[in-house]
Protein backbone atom coordinates (compact mmCIF):
# COMPACT_ATOMS: atom_id res chain seq x y z
CA MET A 1 45.94 14.87 126.98
CA THR A 2 43.92 12.26 125.11
CA ASN A 3 44.52 10.36 121.94
CA ALA A 4 41.01 10.96 120.70
CA PRO A 5 40.80 11.13 116.91
CA ILE A 6 40.45 14.57 115.42
CA PRO A 7 37.09 14.81 113.67
CA MET A 8 37.53 15.26 109.94
CA PRO A 9 35.04 17.40 108.07
CA ALA A 10 32.97 15.50 105.54
CA PRO A 11 33.76 16.13 101.89
CA LEU A 12 31.82 18.94 100.23
CA ILE A 13 29.46 17.62 97.55
CA ILE A 14 29.00 19.92 94.53
CA LEU A 15 26.43 19.55 91.76
CA GLY A 16 27.41 21.04 88.41
CA LEU A 17 24.77 21.67 85.74
CA ASP A 18 25.17 22.45 82.04
CA PRO A 19 21.61 23.43 81.11
CA GLY A 20 19.97 22.85 77.76
CA LEU A 21 16.44 22.17 76.63
CA ARG A 22 17.47 19.16 74.55
CA ARG A 23 20.28 17.89 76.77
CA THR A 24 21.10 18.99 80.31
CA GLY A 25 24.34 17.60 81.66
CA TRP A 26 24.82 17.06 85.36
CA GLY A 27 27.84 16.05 87.39
CA VAL A 28 28.47 15.54 91.08
CA ILE A 29 31.91 15.74 92.67
CA ALA A 30 33.22 15.49 96.22
CA VAL A 31 35.80 18.01 97.37
CA ASP A 32 38.04 17.08 100.28
CA GLY A 33 40.62 19.82 100.76
CA ALA A 34 42.40 20.07 97.41
CA ARG A 35 41.30 16.57 96.38
CA LEU A 36 38.50 16.16 93.84
CA ALA A 37 36.57 12.92 93.43
CA HIS A 38 33.93 11.88 90.95
CA VAL A 39 30.59 10.89 92.48
CA ALA A 40 28.20 10.61 89.53
CA HIS A 41 27.24 12.17 86.21
CA GLY A 42 24.62 11.93 83.50
CA VAL A 43 22.55 13.68 80.91
CA ILE A 44 18.85 14.53 81.06
CA VAL A 45 17.20 14.24 77.65
CA PRO A 46 13.51 15.22 77.60
CA LYS A 47 11.55 13.86 74.64
CA GLU A 48 11.56 16.47 71.89
CA THR A 49 7.99 15.49 70.96
CA LEU A 50 6.67 16.69 74.31
CA PRO A 51 5.07 20.12 74.58
CA PHE A 52 7.48 22.80 75.81
CA SER A 53 5.95 22.95 79.29
CA GLU A 54 6.27 19.18 79.73
CA ARG A 55 9.91 19.26 78.62
CA LEU A 56 10.57 21.86 81.31
CA LEU A 57 8.71 19.70 83.83
CA ALA A 58 10.85 16.70 82.81
CA LEU A 59 13.98 18.79 83.48
CA PHE A 60 12.60 19.93 86.83
CA GLU A 61 11.77 16.40 87.93
CA ALA A 62 15.04 14.86 86.73
CA ILE A 63 17.20 17.53 88.37
CA SER A 64 15.13 17.12 91.54
CA GLU A 65 15.90 13.40 91.48
CA VAL A 66 19.63 14.09 91.12
CA VAL A 67 19.50 16.49 94.09
CA THR A 68 17.57 13.98 96.20
CA THR A 69 19.83 11.06 95.26
CA HIS A 70 23.20 12.76 95.72
CA ALA A 71 22.38 15.35 98.43
CA PRO A 72 24.82 18.04 97.26
CA HIS A 73 25.78 20.89 99.57
CA GLU A 74 26.17 23.46 96.79
CA ALA A 75 25.31 23.79 93.11
CA ALA A 76 26.83 25.60 90.15
CA VAL A 77 25.28 26.37 86.77
CA GLU A 78 26.95 27.40 83.54
CA GLU A 79 25.78 30.77 82.23
CA THR A 80 24.36 30.78 78.73
CA PHE A 81 26.04 32.55 75.87
CA MET A 82 24.06 34.99 73.78
CA ASN A 83 22.49 33.37 70.76
CA ASN A 84 21.61 35.21 67.55
CA ASN A 85 18.21 33.54 67.58
CA ALA A 86 16.14 35.27 70.27
CA ALA A 87 13.55 32.47 70.45
CA SER A 88 16.27 29.84 71.01
CA ALA A 89 17.97 32.00 73.63
CA LEU A 90 14.68 32.46 75.47
CA LYS A 91 13.98 28.71 75.49
CA LEU A 92 17.49 28.00 76.73
CA GLY A 93 16.85 30.55 79.47
CA HIS A 94 13.85 28.52 80.60
CA ALA A 95 16.00 25.38 80.83
CA ARG A 96 18.60 27.34 82.77
CA ALA A 97 15.86 28.50 85.15
CA MET A 98 15.04 24.86 85.94
CA ALA A 99 18.74 24.24 86.64
CA MET A 100 18.78 27.14 89.11
CA ILE A 101 15.36 26.75 90.71
CA VAL A 102 15.63 23.09 91.69
CA PRO A 103 18.80 23.42 93.81
CA ALA A 104 17.60 26.74 95.22
CA ARG A 105 14.30 25.13 96.19
CA ALA A 106 16.29 22.42 97.99
CA GLY A 107 18.04 25.15 100.01
CA LEU A 108 21.38 24.98 98.20
CA PRO A 109 23.46 28.00 97.32
CA VAL A 110 23.65 28.25 93.53
CA ALA A 111 26.61 29.88 91.78
CA GLU A 112 26.84 30.84 88.12
CA TYR A 113 29.93 30.65 85.93
CA ALA A 114 30.61 31.85 82.41
CA ALA A 115 31.71 29.15 79.98
CA THR A 116 35.10 30.84 79.62
CA VAL A 117 35.67 30.66 83.39
CA VAL A 118 34.68 26.97 83.44
CA LYS A 119 37.02 26.14 80.55
CA LYS A 120 39.89 28.11 82.05
CA SER A 121 39.43 26.34 85.41
CA VAL A 122 39.68 22.91 83.83
CA VAL A 123 41.81 23.32 80.68
CA GLY A 124 43.78 26.50 81.41
CA THR A 125 42.27 28.57 78.60
CA GLY A 126 38.83 30.07 78.23
CA ALA A 127 38.85 29.32 74.51
CA ALA A 128 39.13 25.54 74.96
CA GLU A 129 37.07 23.24 72.74
CA LYS A 130 34.65 20.62 74.05
CA GLY A 131 37.11 17.82 73.27
CA GLN A 132 39.76 19.47 75.41
CA VAL A 133 37.31 19.77 78.31
CA GLY A 134 36.43 16.07 78.02
CA PHE A 135 40.12 15.15 77.89
CA MET A 136 40.86 17.08 81.08
CA ILE A 137 37.82 15.68 82.89
CA ALA A 138 39.17 12.18 82.17
CA ARG A 139 42.51 13.24 83.71
CA LEU A 140 41.13 15.13 86.71
CA LEU A 141 38.39 12.60 87.51
CA PRO A 142 39.70 9.26 86.21
CA THR A 143 36.98 7.23 87.93
CA ALA A 144 34.33 9.08 85.89
CA GLY A 145 35.07 6.84 82.92
CA LYS A 146 33.87 7.90 79.49
CA THR A 147 31.62 10.96 79.59
CA THR A 148 29.49 12.66 76.97
CA ALA A 149 30.27 16.30 76.17
CA ASP A 150 27.26 17.47 78.21
CA ALA A 151 28.22 15.46 81.30
CA ALA A 152 31.88 16.50 80.97
CA ASP A 153 30.79 20.15 80.80
CA ALA A 154 28.67 19.71 83.93
CA LEU A 155 31.58 18.10 85.80
CA ALA A 156 33.75 21.00 84.63
CA VAL A 157 31.21 23.45 86.09
CA ALA A 158 31.42 21.62 89.42
CA ILE A 159 35.23 21.73 89.32
CA ALA A 160 35.20 25.45 88.47
CA HIS A 161 32.97 26.02 91.48
CA ALA A 162 35.32 24.00 93.69
CA HIS A 163 38.18 26.25 92.58
CA HIS A 164 36.31 29.55 92.80
CA ARG A 165 33.96 29.13 95.77
CA LYS A 166 36.44 30.45 98.34
CA LEU A 167 37.17 33.48 96.18
CA ARG A 168 33.43 34.13 95.86
CA ARG A 169 33.05 34.05 99.67
CA ILE A 170 36.02 36.37 100.16
CA GLY A 171 34.63 38.80 97.54
CA ALA A 172 31.22 38.77 99.18
CA ALA A 173 32.76 39.59 102.58
CA ALA A 174 34.77 42.52 101.25
């Protein structure tokens, strides 16, 4: 019998994305068992004066930089809600595509979560307001400091994925 240390698995790094054409929030957390830790967060804000295609390219490049810098193992993206304005919904869909394509291109599994699931995972109710989400992010990830609503939403997406990823695997195996 030896006293060799038992190798501990490295924390799982999760990237959460809250896509938007004007503002895309991103947040990275580390999950070690039941413990969550803040790694980084931010907001990508393409210039609104750029042509649509260049705004999408700016999102693609910025999300790619986040993936390269933080080397997440998995990614999660918030699903969009249906908008009454079809043109706005379509443009938001393009931004969401960038949020899904970049991690997928990097070989990461990408999960999607409805806003109500994200809010319920963090606040306890799917009808929570943005301020409540920000409040809970400050409590769950105290080292994150002050976050904007977009970054807090992205961190909430990452937390929702941390809570639901095992259930998703079990459901896929059934």
